[in-house]
């Protein structure tokens, strides 16, 4: 039997197919067109929905970008820090000379800190202070720039800074926020002998090691102690506060500190003033400051002590008997926690022998601090002061002080 050709089968299939065997009439063609139009309309609707969804997605993407910007902004702003502290005092003192009684309230200090981190190795810090609430001609207040320096981290154990900074002398000069010390008023040793708050302009280097040993050295502007008038040879009156200060005779400060034993902090400071008055031939020449500090804490008990001594040379200051000026204090304290904050009780004895007769006295003080929270403190203390010279007996007083302080 002969095989059929595949082409013959293909021809028969085509001829018998309905698509070729019958031609659609007009009505069927119209139905096909309508069906296609319906499908086109549906596609248009789907496309419109897709466009709307795309627009919504664009809006969400834009909103997300805006949100990310708000997250990034605080990250940049976090490199700039703002802080501060303040304290208000009430003093009620009864002097032997009634004309010297004191009954007053004073917003003593309002201070703002501004700092910025340029990088992890270069930082800026500043401190701006308003004293006594109001500064103007004839007003008791002052506006002062107490710190403004750039700090450079040179290595893990070495740093340097330049600008206007606090000198590394005593305890109070570098750490004087009201929540960090006892008593409404700052102690007199670190006011009359170490003239806190004491800042100068210059350059400094610091080293610190894991053993607890650290050191600081600085070259900076010096004092300009007056040699005449009611404040003659008074160290505190010699602070120039870096306001167009003469700089021909710089000063030098060095400190060695040890805190390698838990609870113990010891420091020795030395300063040399090439010309303590900044005027040659006026009877006040060079000056040297020696200071020692100690603080020891065990459990809730802390004992602090500070000693400071100035030795000056010059005919005028030696003739006035002010060539050696000394002060010291000792302060035990006990701080404990309660359900409503911390309470600290303390006592302090201090002895001051400065240039002016009114700044030669001994003082006993007891009181308490109450911290309802860590950075807010309420203070109360009782003071009793006796002057060394009979001529100043009218300045002897006893009384009390109240204070409120904060920092942030």
Protein backbone atom coordinates (compact mmCIF):
# COMPACT_ATOMS: atom_id res chain seq x y z
CA UNK A 1 0.00 0.00 0.00
CA UNK A 2 1.26 3.45 -0.93
CA UNK A 3 2.06 5.86 1.81
CA UNK A 4 0.18 9.19 1.77
CA UNK A 5 2.19 12.31 1.32
CA UNK A 6 2.34 14.55 4.46
CA UNK A 7 1.53 17.51 2.28
CA UNK A 8 -1.79 15.92 1.32
CA UNK A 9 -2.72 15.57 4.99
CA UNK A 10 -1.93 19.16 5.64
CA UNK A 11 -4.11 20.28 2.74
CA UNK A 12 -7.05 18.20 3.91
CA UNK A 13 -6.71 19.67 7.44
CA UNK A 14 -6.78 23.21 6.16
CA UNK A 15 -9.76 22.65 3.86
CA UNK A 16 -11.82 21.04 6.59
CA UNK A 17 -11.03 23.72 9.25
CA UNK A 18 -14.04 25.86 10.30
CA UNK A 19 -11.97 29.04 10.05
CA UNK A 20 -11.51 28.40 6.36
CA UNK A 21 -14.65 26.59 5.60
CA UNK A 22 -16.92 29.43 6.84
CA UNK A 23 -16.55 33.19 6.45
CA UNK A 24 -17.94 35.28 9.50
CA UNK A 25 -20.80 37.60 8.76
CA UNK A 26 -21.07 41.32 9.75
CA UNK A 27 -22.80 40.60 13.09
CA UNK A 28 -20.05 38.27 14.24
CA UNK A 29 -17.36 40.76 13.22
CA UNK A 30 -19.20 43.48 15.25
CA UNK A 31 -19.25 41.23 18.32
CA UNK A 32 -15.50 40.66 17.96
CA UNK A 33 -14.85 44.42 17.71
CA UNK A 34 -17.02 45.10 20.80
CA UNK A 35 -15.16 42.43 22.76
CA UNK A 36 -11.81 43.93 21.79
CA UNK A 37 -12.99 47.44 22.76
CA UNK A 38 -14.07 46.12 26.15
CA UNK A 39 -10.65 44.60 26.68
CA UNK A 40 -9.00 47.88 25.64
CA UNK A 41 -11.14 49.84 28.17
CA UNK A 42 -10.20 47.38 30.92
CA UNK A 43 -6.52 47.77 30.06
CA UNK A 44 -6.89 51.58 30.21
CA UNK A 45 -8.48 51.31 33.67
CA UNK A 46 -5.71 49.04 34.88
CA UNK A 47 -3.13 51.48 33.51
CA UNK A 48 -4.81 54.40 35.32
CA UNK A 49 -4.76 52.43 38.60
CA UNK A 50 -1.09 51.63 38.06
CA UNK A 51 -0.31 55.32 37.44
CA UNK A 52 -2.12 56.30 40.64
CA UNK A 53 -0.24 53.66 42.62
CA UNK A 54 3.01 54.88 41.12
CA UNK A 55 2.22 58.46 42.18
CA UNK A 56 1.46 57.26 45.73
CA UNK A 57 4.76 55.35 45.75
CA UNK A 58 6.59 58.51 44.67
CA UNK A 59 4.99 60.42 47.54
CA UNK A 60 5.99 57.71 50.02
CA UNK A 61 9.55 57.71 48.72
CA UNK A 62 9.72 61.50 49.07
CA UNK A 63 8.28 61.34 52.59
CA UNK A 64 10.80 58.66 53.51
CA UNK A 65 13.60 60.87 52.25
CA UNK A 66 12.33 63.77 54.33
CA UNK A 67 12.17 61.54 57.40
CA UNK A 68 15.70 60.33 56.83
CA UNK A 69 16.78 63.97 56.66
CA UNK A 70 15.23 64.57 60.09
CA UNK A 71 17.16 61.62 61.43
CA UNK A 72 20.44 62.80 59.91
CA UNK A 73 20.06 66.36 61.20
CA UNK A 74 20.20 65.49 64.92
CA UNK A 75 23.22 63.29 64.20
CA UNK A 76 25.02 66.37 62.88
CA UNK A 77 23.70 68.57 65.68
CA UNK A 78 24.90 66.05 68.29
CA UNK A 79 28.44 67.21 67.59
CA UNK A 80 27.52 70.52 69.26
CA UNK A 81 26.71 70.41 72.98
CA UNK A 82 25.06 72.99 75.23
CA UNK A 83 25.10 72.88 79.02
CA UNK A 84 25.39 75.14 81.99
CA UNK A 85 24.92 75.76 85.69
CA UNK A 86 23.63 78.42 88.04
CA UNK A 87 23.25 79.23 91.72
CA UNK A 88 21.24 81.63 93.86
CA UNK A 89 22.43 82.56 97.37
CA UNK A 90 20.81 84.01 100.47
CA UNK A 91 23.24 85.31 103.10
CA UNK A 92 22.31 86.36 106.64
CA UNK A 93 25.40 87.35 108.62
CA UNK A 94 25.62 89.25 111.92
CA UNK A 95 28.92 91.10 112.33
CA UNK A 96 30.40 92.52 115.52
CA UNK A 97 30.18 95.88 113.78
CA UNK A 98 26.48 96.15 112.99
CA UNK A 99 27.22 98.31 109.97
CA UNK A 100 28.80 95.23 108.38
CA UNK A 101 25.76 92.98 108.79
CA UNK A 102 24.70 91.25 105.61
CA UNK A 103 21.15 90.28 104.69
CA UNK A 104 20.83 89.81 100.94
CA UNK A 105 19.80 87.47 98.14
CA UNK A 106 21.75 87.21 94.91
CA UNK A 107 21.56 85.15 91.73
CA UNK A 108 25.30 84.75 91.95
CA UNK A 109 26.08 82.93 88.71
CA UNK A 110 24.36 82.01 85.45
CA UNK A 111 26.68 80.05 83.17
CA UNK A 112 26.31 78.48 79.73
CA UNK A 113 28.62 75.90 78.16
CA UNK A 114 29.06 75.58 74.41
CA UNK A 115 31.14 72.80 72.90
CA UNK A 116 31.67 71.31 69.46
CA UNK A 117 33.37 68.16 68.23
CA UNK A 118 35.13 68.88 64.94
CA UNK A 119 36.41 65.30 64.84
CA UNK A 120 37.20 62.51 67.27
CA UNK A 121 40.56 64.24 67.90
CA UNK A 122 39.74 67.96 67.76
CA UNK A 123 37.15 69.55 70.07
CA UNK A 124 36.14 73.03 71.21
CA UNK A 125 34.82 74.05 74.63
CA UNK A 126 33.68 77.39 76.05
CA UNK A 127 32.02 78.83 79.14
CA UNK A 128 30.17 82.15 79.28
CA UNK A 129 29.12 83.55 82.66
CA UNK A 130 26.87 86.31 83.94
CA UNK A 131 27.60 87.19 87.57
CA UNK A 132 25.13 88.84 89.95
CA UNK A 133 22.26 88.76 87.45
CA UNK A 134 22.72 92.25 85.97
CA UNK A 135 25.72 93.79 84.22
CA UNK A 136 25.76 97.50 83.32
CA UNK A 137 27.46 100.72 84.35
CA UNK A 138 27.20 100.93 88.12
CA UNK A 139 25.62 97.46 88.38
CA UNK A 140 27.26 94.70 90.44
CA UNK A 141 27.30 92.11 87.66
CA UNK A 142 29.83 91.13 85.01
CA UNK A 143 29.72 89.14 81.78
CA UNK A 144 32.83 86.97 81.51
CA UNK A 145 34.28 84.49 79.08
CA UNK A 146 35.81 81.91 81.42
CA UNK A 147 36.83 79.26 78.91
CA UNK A 148 37.29 79.12 75.13
CA UNK A 149 39.85 76.63 73.93
CA UNK A 150 40.49 73.96 71.31
CA UNK A 151 41.57 70.56 72.59
CA UNK A 152 43.68 68.18 70.50
CA UNK A 153 44.02 64.46 71.21
CA UNK A 154 47.57 63.57 70.19
CA UNK A 155 47.57 59.94 71.33
CA UNK A 156 45.83 57.66 73.82
CA UNK A 157 47.81 59.25 76.66
CA UNK A 158 48.69 62.72 75.39
CA UNK A 159 46.60 65.82 74.63
CA UNK A 160 47.15 69.52 74.07
CA UNK A 161 44.99 72.64 74.12
CA UNK A 162 45.24 76.26 73.20
CA UNK A 163 43.11 79.30 73.94
CA UNK A 164 41.56 80.46 77.19
CA UNK A 165 41.39 77.76 79.88
CA UNK A 166 41.19 77.12 83.62
CA UNK A 167 44.52 76.59 85.37
CA UNK A 168 45.22 73.17 86.94
CA UNK A 169 45.53 74.42 90.54
CA UNK A 170 43.51 73.32 93.57
CA UNK A 171 40.23 71.40 93.55
CA UNK A 172 37.62 74.08 92.99
CA UNK A 173 39.19 75.94 90.08
CA UNK A 174 38.50 73.27 87.48
CA UNK A 175 35.41 71.72 89.08
CA UNK A 176 33.15 74.40 90.55
CA UNK A 177 29.58 73.55 89.54
CA UNK A 178 27.40 74.06 92.65
CA UNK A 179 26.31 70.42 92.75
CA UNK A 180 29.93 69.27 93.16
CA UNK A 181 30.95 71.00 96.41
CA UNK A 182 29.62 71.66 99.90
CA UNK A 183 28.62 75.07 101.22
CA UNK A 184 26.68 77.90 99.66
CA UNK A 185 29.76 80.08 99.17
CA UNK A 186 33.01 78.74 97.75
CA UNK A 187 35.76 78.25 100.30
CA UNK A 188 38.01 81.25 100.94
CA UNK A 189 41.33 79.44 100.46
CA UNK A 190 40.39 78.81 96.83
CA UNK A 191 39.14 82.36 96.45
CA UNK A 192 41.76 84.52 98.16
CA UNK A 193 44.96 82.45 97.80
CA UNK A 194 44.04 80.44 94.70
CA UNK A 195 41.89 83.08 92.98
CA UNK A 196 39.18 80.77 91.63
CA UNK A 197 37.71 80.92 89.16
CA UNK A 198 41.11 81.55 87.54
CA UNK A 199 41.60 81.38 83.79
CA UNK A 200 44.41 82.49 81.51
CA UNK A 201 45.24 82.29 77.79
CA UNK A 202 48.04 80.23 76.36
CA UNK A 203 48.91 76.62 75.55
CA UNK A 204 48.97 73.46 77.65
CA UNK A 205 49.81 69.78 77.37
CA UNK A 206 48.53 66.89 79.47
CA UNK A 207 49.53 63.27 79.89
CA UNK A 208 47.57 60.52 81.61
CA UNK A 209 48.36 56.88 82.15
CA UNK A 210 46.58 53.71 83.20
CA UNK A 211 48.47 53.68 86.49
CA UNK A 212 46.45 56.71 87.64
CA UNK A 213 49.36 59.12 87.19
CA UNK A 214 48.80 62.28 85.14
CA UNK A 215 50.56 65.58 84.53
CA UNK A 216 49.80 69.02 83.11
CA UNK A 217 52.14 71.80 81.96
CA UNK A 218 51.08 75.21 80.64
CA UNK A 219 52.54 78.50 79.49
CA UNK A 220 50.05 81.33 79.75
CA UNK A 221 49.29 84.95 80.54
CA UNK A 222 50.08 86.09 84.07
CA UNK A 223 48.66 88.10 86.94
CA UNK A 224 48.83 91.87 87.22
CA UNK A 225 48.64 92.31 91.00
CA UNK A 226 48.16 95.94 92.08
CA UNK A 227 50.87 97.46 94.28
CA UNK A 228 48.92 100.48 95.53
CA UNK A 229 45.41 101.22 96.79
CA UNK A 230 43.08 99.25 99.03
CA UNK A 231 43.75 96.03 97.07
CA UNK A 232 47.55 96.35 97.06
CA UNK A 233 49.26 92.95 96.70
CA UNK A 234 45.92 91.12 96.72
CA UNK A 235 46.30 88.08 94.44
CA UNK A 236 42.63 87.91 93.49
CA UNK A 237 42.72 91.51 92.29
CA UNK A 238 45.52 90.57 89.91
CA UNK A 239 43.38 88.45 87.60
CA UNK A 240 43.45 90.10 84.17
CA UNK A 241 40.77 87.77 82.76
CA UNK A 242 42.56 87.89 79.39
CA UNK A 243 41.13 91.30 78.56
CA UNK A 244 43.89 92.99 76.52
CA UNK A 245 46.28 91.55 79.10
CA UNK A 246 49.98 92.44 78.91
CA UNK A 247 51.91 89.37 77.78
CA UNK A 248 55.58 90.38 77.95
CA UNK A 249 56.06 88.33 81.13
CA UNK A 250 54.28 84.98 80.78
CA UNK A 251 53.58 82.59 83.64
CA UNK A 252 54.05 78.82 83.87
CA UNK A 253 52.01 76.17 85.68
CA UNK A 254 52.70 72.47 86.25
CA UNK A 255 50.71 69.80 88.08
CA UNK A 256 51.40 66.19 89.01
CA UNK A 257 48.36 64.11 89.98
CA UNK A 258 47.81 60.56 91.24
CA UNK A 259 44.50 58.68 91.45
CA UNK A 260 45.67 55.08 91.10
CA UNK A 261 44.12 53.92 94.39
CA UNK A 262 40.29 53.71 94.43
CA UNK A 263 38.87 56.69 96.31
CA UNK A 264 42.19 58.57 96.51
CA UNK A 265 43.12 61.72 94.57
CA UNK A 266 46.37 63.58 95.28
CA UNK A 267 47.86 66.54 93.40
CA UNK A 268 50.78 68.94 93.61
CA UNK A 269 50.82 72.18 91.60
CA UNK A 270 53.51 74.76 91.01
CA UNK A 271 53.25 78.12 89.27
CA UNK A 272 55.88 80.70 88.43
CA UNK A 273 55.04 84.33 87.68
CA UNK A 274 57.94 86.12 85.98
CA UNK A 275 56.56 89.52 87.01
CA UNK A 276 53.47 89.30 89.19
CA UNK A 277 52.51 92.96 88.59
CA UNK A 278 53.47 93.18 84.89
CA UNK A 279 55.31 96.42 85.74
CA UNK A 280 59.05 96.38 86.23
CA UNK A 281 60.64 98.31 89.07
CA UNK A 282 57.44 98.75 91.12
CA UNK A 283 58.59 96.68 94.12
CA UNK A 284 56.76 93.48 93.14
CA UNK A 285 58.83 91.08 91.12
CA UNK A 286 58.40 87.36 90.60
CA UNK A 287 56.02 85.05 92.44
CA UNK A 288 55.74 81.32 93.08
CA UNK A 289 52.66 79.37 94.05
CA UNK A 290 52.82 75.94 95.70
CA UNK A 291 49.56 74.04 96.13
CA UNK A 292 48.71 70.56 97.39
CA UNK A 293 45.31 68.87 97.36
CA UNK A 294 44.08 65.57 98.77
CA UNK A 295 40.72 63.83 98.63
CA UNK A 296 39.94 60.38 99.97
CA UNK A 297 36.56 58.65 99.83
CA UNK A 298 35.61 55.36 101.46
CA UNK A 299 32.00 54.21 101.37
CA UNK A 300 29.90 57.32 102.14
CA UNK A 301 32.69 59.27 103.86
CA UNK A 302 35.00 61.79 102.14
CA UNK A 303 37.86 63.85 103.49
CA UNK A 304 39.26 66.78 101.49
CA UNK A 305 42.17 69.10 102.21
CA UNK A 306 43.85 71.95 100.32
CA UNK A 307 47.03 73.88 101.08
CA UNK A 308 48.29 76.84 99.04
CA UNK A 309 51.19 79.25 99.53
CA UNK A 310 52.48 82.24 97.56
CA UNK A 311 56.05 83.49 97.89
CA UNK A 312 56.78 86.86 96.25
CA UNK A 313 59.92 88.90 95.89
CA UNK A 314 60.29 92.69 95.70
CA UNK A 315 61.02 95.54 98.09
CA UNK A 316 57.48 96.94 98.23
CA UNK A 317 55.66 93.68 98.88
CA UNK A 318 58.23 92.61 101.48
CA UNK A 319 57.88 95.96 103.27
CA UNK A 320 54.10 95.48 103.34
CA UNK A 321 54.51 92.02 104.88
CA UNK A 322 52.56 90.45 102.02
CA UNK A 323 55.41 88.52 100.41
CA UNK A 324 54.14 85.25 101.90
CA UNK A 325 50.41 84.48 101.60
CA UNK A 326 49.04 81.15 102.77
CA UNK A 327 45.76 79.33 103.19
CA UNK A 328 44.52 75.85 103.99
CA UNK A 329 41.34 73.96 104.86
CA UNK A 330 40.18 70.52 105.85
CA UNK A 331 36.67 69.23 105.11
CA UNK A 332 35.14 65.92 106.22
CA UNK A 333 31.73 64.98 104.82
CA UNK A 334 29.26 62.11 104.82
CA UNK A 335 26.73 61.53 102.03
CA UNK A 336 23.92 58.97 102.09
CA UNK A 337 20.94 58.06 99.95
CA UNK A 338 17.28 58.30 100.94
CA UNK A 339 14.09 57.42 99.10
CA UNK A 340 13.78 61.07 98.04
CA UNK A 341 17.35 61.88 97.10
CA UNK A 342 20.81 62.19 98.67
CA UNK A 343 21.76 64.11 101.80
CA UNK A 344 25.29 65.18 102.64
CA UNK A 345 26.52 66.68 105.90
CA UNK A 346 29.90 68.35 106.25
CA UNK A 347 32.19 70.47 108.37
CA UNK A 348 35.03 72.72 107.26
CA UNK A 349 37.79 74.57 109.03
CA UNK A 350 39.82 77.03 107.01
CA UNK A 351 42.63 79.42 107.77
CA UNK A 352 43.55 82.28 105.43
CA UNK A 353 46.49 84.68 105.67
CA UNK A 354 46.31 86.84 102.54
CA UNK A 355 47.55 90.35 101.74
CA UNK A 356 44.74 92.49 103.14
CA UNK A 357 44.06 92.57 106.88
CA UNK A 358 40.40 91.74 106.23
CA UNK A 359 41.54 88.56 104.45
CA UNK A 360 43.42 87.19 107.46
CA UNK A 361 41.04 85.00 109.44
CA UNK A 362 39.95 81.53 110.50
CA UNK A 363 36.47 80.19 109.85
CA UNK A 364 34.38 77.28 111.09
CA UNK A 365 31.50 76.01 108.98
CA UNK A 366 28.97 73.19 109.17
CA UNK A 367 26.04 72.43 106.91
CA UNK A 368 24.25 70.09 104.61
CA UNK A 369 23.49 69.59 100.94
CA UNK A 370 20.33 67.93 99.66
CA UNK A 371 20.21 66.52 96.13
CA UNK A 372 16.57 65.67 95.21
CA UNK A 373 18.06 64.56 91.88
CA UNK A 374 21.68 64.31 90.80
CA UNK A 375 21.99 67.70 89.08
CA UNK A 376 19.99 69.89 91.48
CA UNK A 377 21.08 70.78 95.02
CA UNK A 378 19.67 72.69 97.98
CA UNK A 379 22.22 73.97 100.51
CA UNK A 380 22.27 75.23 104.09
CA UNK A 381 25.24 76.12 106.24
CA UNK A 382 26.23 78.01 109.40
CA UNK A 383 29.47 80.04 109.43
CA UNK A 384 31.53 81.71 112.14
CA UNK A 385 34.58 83.84 111.25
CA UNK A 386 37.27 85.38 113.48
CA UNK A 387 39.86 87.79 112.10
CA UNK A 388 43.50 87.60 113.20
CA UNK A 389 44.04 91.33 113.74
CA UNK A 390 42.28 93.31 116.48
CA UNK A 391 41.79 96.16 114.00
CA UNK A 392 39.50 93.91 111.98
CA UNK A 393 37.45 92.59 114.92
CA UNK A 394 34.39 94.44 113.68
CA UNK A 395 34.37 92.15 110.66
CA UNK A 396 34.00 89.03 112.82
CA UNK A 397 30.63 87.43 112.14
CA UNK A 398 28.39 84.45 112.51
CA UNK A 399 25.35 83.61 110.45
CA UNK A 400 23.83 81.26 107.93
CA UNK A 401 23.51 80.85 104.18
CA UNK A 402 20.91 79.22 101.94
CA UNK A 403 21.49 78.20 98.36
CA UNK A 404 20.01 76.54 95.30
CA UNK A 405 22.17 75.22 92.48
CA UNK A 406 21.81 73.22 89.29
CA UNK A 407 23.78 71.99 86.31
CA UNK A 408 22.87 70.33 83.01
